[in-house]
Amino acid sequence: MLKKYFLLFFAVLSLGAWGWGKPSPVNIYDEPRELPERKMFLNEENGKSFGLDSFKGQFVIAIFWSRYCMPCLKELPKVSAFQEKIKDTNIKVVMISPASDWVSASEQKRFLTQFGGGDLEYYVDKKGDLSADLGIFTSPNTVLVNSEGKEIGRIRGTVEWDRDETIEYIYNVKAKHDI
């Protein structure tokens, strides 16, 4: 009998480790937080450096991802579908990956296209400083930034971006925390 309970306990722990039955790990802050000021990522297609504060005036969903992260790759088509559904709003989706993942911008563009995210706006974190300053050491990780250029929350892990419930949730967060 004890063996049976041990197996059941182990099964429940295993399911929890995979995230089944757990609510999405969303953390919306009580007060907006300042972002790192350094300009640390680059759109290699036009050579301009940007920081997350470069998008002031827009509600930004900055998704930190890596080409070596399987959940990130599975999420790309859903992020692309999300972007298509919210395209007429003041919400901007940006994908930020480590510069060390890529030889060139064209390689990154081909990769995104291959995995269903070819229309996403992409940037690289030149030296990993932005991720480090934000305390992001795993992928995917999403930073939510209000139109004043302040961080209002984070989402850790994958998101079912293309679901209507997710889109409604993001609209509600934006309405409540964006000025």
Protein backbone atom coordinates (compact mmCIF):
# COMPACT_ATOMS: atom_id res chain seq x y z
CA MET A 1 0.00 0.00 0.00
CA LEU A 2 2.84 2.38 0.86
CA LYS A 3 4.38 1.66 -2.55
CA LYS A 4 1.10 2.64 -4.24
CA TYR A 5 1.02 6.02 -2.43
CA PHE A 6 4.68 6.60 -3.24
CA LEU A 7 3.99 6.02 -6.96
CA LEU A 8 0.98 8.33 -6.87
CA PHE A 9 3.02 11.01 -5.08
CA PHE A 10 5.82 10.66 -7.65
CA ALA A 11 3.31 10.90 -10.53
CA VAL A 12 1.83 14.12 -9.10
CA LEU A 13 5.31 15.61 -8.67
CA SER A 14 6.22 14.64 -12.21
CA LEU A 15 3.11 16.29 -13.63
CA GLY A 16 3.83 19.43 -11.63
CA ALA A 17 7.37 19.55 -12.97
CA TRP A 18 5.98 19.70 -16.49
CA GLY A 19 3.64 22.53 -15.56
CA TRP A 20 0.41 20.57 -15.94
CA GLY A 21 -2.34 21.84 -13.75
CA LYS A 22 -0.38 24.92 -12.71
CA PRO A 23 -1.51 28.46 -13.40
CA SER A 24 0.64 30.44 -15.82
CA PRO A 25 3.62 32.05 -14.06
CA VAL A 26 2.61 35.68 -14.56
CA ASN A 27 3.89 38.39 -12.25
CA ILE A 28 2.33 41.85 -12.61
CA TYR A 29 3.97 44.38 -10.30
CA ASP A 30 2.13 46.72 -7.94
CA GLU A 31 4.28 49.63 -9.20
CA PRO A 32 6.09 50.00 -12.55
CA ARG A 33 9.87 49.48 -12.44
CA GLU A 34 12.64 51.33 -14.21
CA LEU A 35 14.39 49.43 -17.01
CA PRO A 36 18.14 49.25 -17.57
CA GLU A 37 19.14 52.39 -19.47
CA ARG A 38 21.90 50.91 -21.60
CA LYS A 39 21.19 50.37 -25.28
CA MET A 40 22.06 46.72 -25.51
CA PHE A 41 20.31 45.09 -28.38
CA LEU A 42 20.62 45.58 -32.06
CA ASN A 43 18.50 45.19 -35.15
CA GLU A 44 21.24 44.01 -37.47
CA GLU A 45 19.25 44.70 -40.62
CA ASN A 46 19.59 48.45 -40.19
CA GLY A 47 22.41 48.59 -37.62
CA LYS A 48 20.57 50.74 -35.07
CA SER A 49 20.99 50.06 -31.36
CA PHE A 50 17.92 50.00 -29.16
CA GLY A 51 16.98 49.55 -25.54
CA LEU A 52 13.57 48.53 -24.23
CA ASP A 53 12.96 52.20 -23.48
CA SER A 54 13.33 52.94 -27.21
CA PHE A 55 9.71 51.98 -27.76
CA LYS A 56 8.15 54.61 -25.48
CA GLY A 57 4.61 55.37 -26.51
CA GLN A 58 3.84 51.71 -27.15
CA PHE A 59 2.92 48.82 -24.87
CA VAL A 60 5.76 46.34 -25.44
CA ILE A 61 5.82 42.59 -25.10
CA ALA A 62 9.52 41.69 -25.19
CA ILE A 63 10.03 37.95 -25.50
CA PHE A 64 13.51 36.72 -24.63
CA TRP A 65 14.16 33.49 -26.49
CA SER A 66 16.92 31.30 -27.91
CA ARG A 67 17.24 29.20 -31.04
CA TYR A 68 18.29 26.29 -28.79
CA CYS A 69 15.14 26.47 -26.66
CA MET A 70 12.61 23.91 -27.91
CA PRO A 71 9.63 25.52 -26.09
CA CYS A 72 10.62 28.84 -27.72
CA LEU A 73 10.54 27.28 -31.18
CA LYS A 74 7.14 25.71 -30.56
CA GLU A 75 5.86 29.10 -29.40
CA LEU A 76 6.96 31.08 -32.50
CA PRO A 77 3.86 30.36 -34.66
CA LYS A 78 1.61 31.26 -31.72
CA VAL A 79 3.46 34.53 -31.14
CA SER A 80 3.12 35.29 -34.84
CA ALA A 81 -0.63 34.57 -34.73
CA PHE A 82 -0.94 36.76 -31.61
CA GLN A 83 0.86 39.60 -33.37
CA GLU A 84 -1.49 39.30 -36.33
CA LYS A 85 -4.55 39.46 -34.07
CA ILE A 86 -3.35 42.56 -32.19
CA LYS A 87 -1.75 44.39 -35.14
CA ASP A 88 -4.17 47.32 -35.05
CA THR A 89 -3.53 48.08 -31.37
CA ASN A 90 -0.75 50.00 -29.69
CA ILE A 91 0.94 46.74 -28.63
CA LYS A 92 4.38 45.94 -30.00
CA VAL A 93 5.89 42.44 -29.91
CA VAL A 94 9.68 42.18 -30.05
CA MET A 95 11.75 39.01 -30.00
CA ILE A 96 15.17 39.30 -28.33
CA SER A 97 17.71 36.51 -28.58
CA PRO A 98 21.38 36.21 -27.62
CA ALA A 99 23.71 37.54 -30.33
CA SER A 100 25.81 34.41 -29.88
CA ASP A 101 22.95 32.37 -31.41
CA TRP A 102 23.44 33.95 -34.84
CA VAL A 103 26.09 34.45 -37.49
CA SER A 104 24.03 37.12 -39.25
CA ALA A 105 20.64 38.83 -39.32
CA SER A 106 19.74 36.93 -42.49
CA GLU A 107 20.39 33.65 -40.67
CA GLN A 108 18.03 34.72 -37.88
CA LYS A 109 15.37 35.78 -40.40
CA ARG A 110 15.59 32.41 -42.22
CA PHE A 111 15.38 30.58 -38.90
CA LEU A 112 12.31 32.53 -37.78
CA THR A 113 10.63 31.91 -41.13
CA GLN A 114 11.40 28.18 -40.93
CA PHE A 115 9.76 27.89 -37.50
CA GLY A 116 6.67 30.03 -38.19
CA GLY A 117 7.80 33.42 -36.88
CA GLY A 118 9.06 35.07 -40.05
CA ASP A 119 6.96 38.22 -39.61
CA LEU A 120 8.13 38.90 -36.04
CA GLU A 121 10.34 41.88 -35.23
CA TYR A 122 13.63 40.50 -33.98
CA TYR A 123 16.62 41.88 -32.12
CA VAL A 124 19.73 40.50 -30.46
CA ASP A 125 21.14 41.09 -27.00
CA LYS A 126 24.70 41.95 -28.05
CA LYS A 127 26.64 40.69 -25.04
CA GLY A 128 23.84 39.29 -22.91
CA ASP A 129 23.97 42.41 -20.73
CA LEU A 130 20.29 43.24 -21.09
CA SER A 131 19.22 39.73 -20.07
CA ALA A 132 21.68 39.79 -17.16
CA ASP A 133 20.54 43.24 -15.99
CA LEU A 134 16.94 42.02 -16.04
CA GLY A 135 17.85 38.77 -14.27
CA ILE A 136 16.75 36.64 -17.21
CA PHE A 137 18.77 33.45 -17.48
CA THR A 138 16.24 31.08 -19.06
CA SER A 139 14.06 31.10 -22.15
CA PRO A 140 11.35 31.93 -22.90
CA ASN A 141 10.86 34.88 -20.63
CA THR A 142 8.58 37.82 -21.40
CA VAL A 143 8.94 41.36 -20.10
CA LEU A 144 5.88 43.63 -20.26
CA VAL A 145 6.69 47.33 -20.69
CA ASN A 146 4.16 50.16 -20.49
CA SER A 147 4.07 53.10 -22.90
CA GLU A 148 6.19 55.15 -20.48
CA GLY A 149 9.03 52.65 -20.93
CA LYS A 150 8.69 51.03 -17.49
CA GLU A 151 8.48 47.35 -16.73
CA ILE A 152 5.08 46.36 -15.35
CA GLY A 153 5.47 42.61 -15.18
CA ARG A 154 6.86 39.35 -16.49
CA ILE A 155 5.72 36.04 -17.80
CA ARG A 156 8.06 33.13 -17.23
CA GLY A 157 7.87 30.18 -19.61
CA THR A 158 5.72 29.51 -22.62
CA VAL A 159 2.38 31.13 -23.33
CA GLU A 160 -0.50 30.06 -25.53
CA TRP A 161 -0.26 33.42 -27.30
CA ASP A 162 -2.86 32.69 -29.97
CA ARG A 163 -5.68 31.85 -27.52
CA ASP A 164 -8.48 34.39 -27.16
CA GLU A 165 -8.16 34.20 -23.35
CA THR A 166 -4.49 35.24 -23.57
CA ILE A 167 -5.26 38.13 -25.87
CA GLU A 168 -8.04 39.31 -23.57
CA TYR A 169 -5.70 39.01 -20.58
CA ILE A 170 -3.03 41.14 -22.29
CA TYR A 171 -5.66 43.76 -23.22
CA ASN A 172 -6.79 43.86 -19.58
CA VAL A 173 -3.21 44.20 -18.28
CA LYS A 174 -2.59 46.98 -20.79
CA ALA A 175 -5.81 48.79 -19.82
CA LYS A 176 -5.04 48.56 -16.12
CA HIS A 177 -1.30 49.29 -16.14
CA ASP A 178 -0.71 51.48 -19.18
CA ILE A 179 -1.31 55.20 -19.11
